[in-house]
Structures are given as C-alpha cells and as structure tokens.
Protein backbone atom coordinates (compact mmCIF):
# COMPACT_ATOMS: atom_id res chain seq x y z
CA MET A 1 75.80 66.76 103.73
CA ALA A 2 78.03 69.77 103.16
CA ARG A 3 76.56 72.65 101.17
CA ILE A 4 78.96 72.44 98.21
CA GLU A 5 78.65 68.67 97.90
CA LYS A 6 74.87 69.03 98.03
CA ARG A 7 75.09 71.57 95.19
CA ILE A 8 77.20 69.15 93.12
CA GLU A 9 74.55 66.48 93.67
CA GLU A 10 71.72 68.93 92.74
CA LEU A 11 73.52 69.59 89.45
CA GLY A 12 73.44 65.86 88.74
CA LEU A 13 77.22 65.59 88.91
CA VAL A 14 79.33 62.92 90.55
CA LEU A 15 82.62 63.92 92.09
CA PRO A 16 85.30 61.43 91.03
CA PRO A 17 87.86 60.14 93.51
CA SER A 18 90.82 62.45 94.01
CA PRO A 19 93.33 61.68 91.23
CA VAL A 20 96.58 60.09 92.36
CA PRO A 21 99.78 61.48 90.79
CA LYS A 22 101.74 59.06 88.62
CA PHE A 23 104.92 61.11 88.78
CA THR A 24 106.98 63.03 91.35
CA TYR A 25 104.72 65.83 92.53
CA ILE A 26 101.85 66.43 94.93
CA PRO A 27 98.33 67.26 93.75
CA CYS A 28 97.90 70.18 96.14
CA SER A 29 100.20 72.54 98.00
CA ARG A 30 99.20 75.04 100.67
CA THR A 31 100.75 78.31 101.73
CA GLY A 32 98.85 80.46 104.21
CA ASN A 33 95.19 80.42 103.27
CA LEU A 34 95.80 79.52 99.60
CA ILE A 35 95.93 76.10 97.97
CA TYR A 36 97.61 75.57 94.62
CA LEU A 37 96.46 72.61 92.56
CA SER A 38 98.74 70.78 90.16
CA GLY A 39 97.49 70.53 86.60
CA GLN A 40 94.58 68.13 86.10
CA ASP A 41 93.23 66.63 82.90
CA CYS A 42 89.89 65.23 81.73
CA ARG A 43 90.13 61.68 83.09
CA ASP A 44 86.92 60.08 84.27
CA ALA A 45 86.55 58.03 87.47
CA THR A 46 88.16 55.02 85.74
CA GLY A 47 91.28 57.03 84.85
CA THR A 48 90.45 57.20 81.13
CA LEU A 49 90.62 60.50 79.22
CA ILE A 50 87.12 61.37 78.02
CA TYR A 51 88.66 63.00 74.93
CA GLU A 52 92.07 63.05 73.27
CA GLY A 53 93.38 65.41 70.63
CA LYS A 54 93.54 69.00 69.56
CA LEU A 55 90.79 71.58 69.52
CA GLY A 56 90.12 72.76 66.01
CA ARG A 57 91.24 69.46 64.50
CA GLU A 58 89.94 66.33 66.27
CA LEU A 59 87.66 68.11 68.73
CA THR A 60 84.92 70.73 68.61
CA ILE A 61 84.54 73.62 71.02
CA GLU A 62 81.63 71.77 72.65
CA GLN A 63 83.79 68.68 73.22
CA GLY A 64 86.51 70.93 74.61
CA GLN A 65 83.99 72.46 77.02
CA GLU A 66 83.00 68.96 78.20
CA ALA A 67 86.67 68.14 78.70
CA ALA A 68 87.12 71.38 80.66
CA ARG A 69 84.12 70.51 82.86
CA GLN A 70 85.52 67.06 83.63
CA THR A 71 88.92 68.62 84.32
CA ILE A 72 87.44 71.09 86.80
CA LEU A 73 85.57 68.23 88.50
CA ASN A 74 88.95 66.57 88.94
CA CYS A 75 90.28 69.81 90.43
CA ILE A 76 87.36 69.86 92.86
CA ALA A 77 88.07 66.21 93.71
CA VAL A 78 91.67 67.18 94.57
CA MET A 79 90.36 69.96 96.83
CA LYS A 80 87.94 67.52 98.50
CA GLY A 81 90.76 65.01 99.01
CA TYR A 82 93.01 67.66 100.55
CA LEU A 83 90.46 69.61 102.58
CA GLY A 84 87.97 66.90 103.48
CA ASP A 85 85.15 69.47 103.34
CA LEU A 86 84.56 71.60 100.25
CA ASP A 87 82.73 74.16 102.40
CA ARG A 88 86.23 75.22 103.54
CA VAL A 89 86.71 76.82 100.11
CA VAL A 90 86.25 80.57 100.57
CA ARG A 91 86.57 81.35 96.87
CA ILE A 92 88.23 80.32 93.66
CA VAL A 93 91.02 82.83 93.06
CA LYS A 94 92.58 81.86 89.72
CA VAL A 95 92.16 79.29 86.97
CA LEU A 96 94.95 78.64 84.47
CA GLY A 97 93.75 76.65 81.49
CA PHE A 98 95.86 75.12 78.76
CA VAL A 99 94.06 74.07 75.58
CA ASN A 100 95.71 71.63 73.17
CA SER A 101 95.18 73.62 69.97
CA ALA A 102 95.56 72.91 66.28
CA PRO A 103 97.36 75.62 64.27
CA GLY A 104 95.02 78.57 63.78
CA PHE A 105 92.65 77.63 66.62
CA ALA A 106 92.05 80.75 68.70
CA ASP A 107 88.88 79.96 70.67
CA GLN A 108 90.55 78.86 73.91
CA PRO A 109 88.37 81.22 76.02
CA PHE A 110 85.21 79.49 74.76
CA VAL A 111 86.65 76.09 75.70
CA MET A 112 87.63 77.29 79.18
CA ASN A 113 84.15 78.68 79.79
CA GLY A 114 83.11 75.05 80.33
CA ALA A 115 85.26 75.05 83.48
CA SER A 116 84.50 78.61 84.57
CA ASP A 117 80.74 78.22 84.22
CA LEU A 118 80.80 75.01 86.25
CA LEU A 119 82.77 76.68 89.05
CA VAL A 120 80.14 79.43 89.25
CA ASP A 121 77.32 76.84 89.11
CA ILE A 122 78.88 75.01 92.07
CA PHE A 123 80.36 77.80 94.22
CA GLY A 124 78.10 80.70 93.19
CA GLU A 125 79.68 84.16 93.44
CA ASN A 126 82.65 82.59 95.21
CA GLY A 127 83.34 80.58 92.06
CA LYS A 128 84.04 83.69 89.98
CA HIS A 129 87.77 83.90 89.35
CA ALA A 130 90.63 85.42 87.43
CA ARG A 131 91.54 83.23 84.45
CA SER A 132 94.00 82.63 81.67
CA ALA A 133 93.15 80.48 78.64
CA ILE A 134 96.32 79.54 76.80
CA GLY A 135 96.63 77.65 73.54
CA THR A 136 99.45 75.14 73.40
CA SER A 137 100.76 72.86 70.66
CA GLU A 138 100.89 69.73 72.85
CA LEU A 139 99.72 68.51 76.24
CA PRO A 140 100.69 65.32 78.08
CA PHE A 141 98.98 62.12 76.90
CA HIS A 142 97.16 64.11 74.17
CA THR A 143 94.68 65.51 76.68
CA PRO A 144 92.75 68.43 75.17
CA VAL A 145 92.68 70.49 78.39
CA GLU A 146 94.85 70.87 81.47
CA ILE A 147 93.83 73.15 84.34
CA GLU A 148 95.63 74.51 87.38
CA LEU A 149 93.65 76.24 90.11
CA ILE A 150 94.30 78.48 93.11
CA ALA A 151 91.70 78.69 95.87
CA GLU A 152 91.40 80.59 99.12
CA ILE A 153 90.45 78.35 102.04
CA ARG A 154 89.49 78.60 105.70
CA ASP A 155 90.65 76.38 108.55
C-alpha cells in the first residue's frame, strides 16, 4: 500500500470515490508539475452533503471544520482519481477555501483549519500550504464549504 494511503488508513479515514462533475468542467487540470483542482464540497461517499447552511447561523465552527475535513477528503479523492498514486504528490501548494457565512460571521480561518490540519496530518510537512479563507454570502446547493487546491506532483 502506498505511504499516503496507509497514513489515511492509520488516521481511521476512508477516502471516498473521486467525485464526478455534474456540470461542464473537469475535476482536475494539469500544467507542468502542478495540478489544479476544481472546487469540491462536503459530500459523503453517497453524494449527500454532510451539512447545509451558513456558518454563524445554522452551523457552528466545529460543524464547519467537519465540513472542511470532508471537503478536503474529496479533494484528495480527486487527486487519487487523477494521479492513481497519492505518493506522486510532492506538496500541497495552495488551498482556497470559501465559507458560506451569515452576516457578521468572521471566523472563516477557524473553519478552514479543519482542512489545513487534515492535510498536515496526512502529508506531513508537505501538507503545509499557502491558504485563503474567504467568507461568501452563498455557495452552490447551500454547502457550507467549498475548497479549491493546487498541488505539486511528480511523474
């Protein structure tokens, strides 16, 4: 078993199948040694959002962190589907997180730590990344979190 997949298993996590786009886009695009992932949300393996709503109104920071963790697992599933072997990931370069926020909610960085911490738990030092945590008034399908990711890979 590959090192990264073994680490995911050690953490007691299950990598969902790679999400299939429902619209006109691809889940992953490569240029050079970088892959760019399309935005993912917090759907579980059955395709159901684990949470819906806005942070600071329907959802707590802790629920937002869980949503961010599931979202990053979906990002990792996209990488696995594209690369075949997660050990080809050299490092996570950038994470762009959108948090569906109620008016006055300003704790987006705390929500996004759910994703960032999981990347470091899985990839170690190579999981540390640049990040933006942006509050937004709406996200598709009322998902609380959407994440895009850029990773450096090896052939």
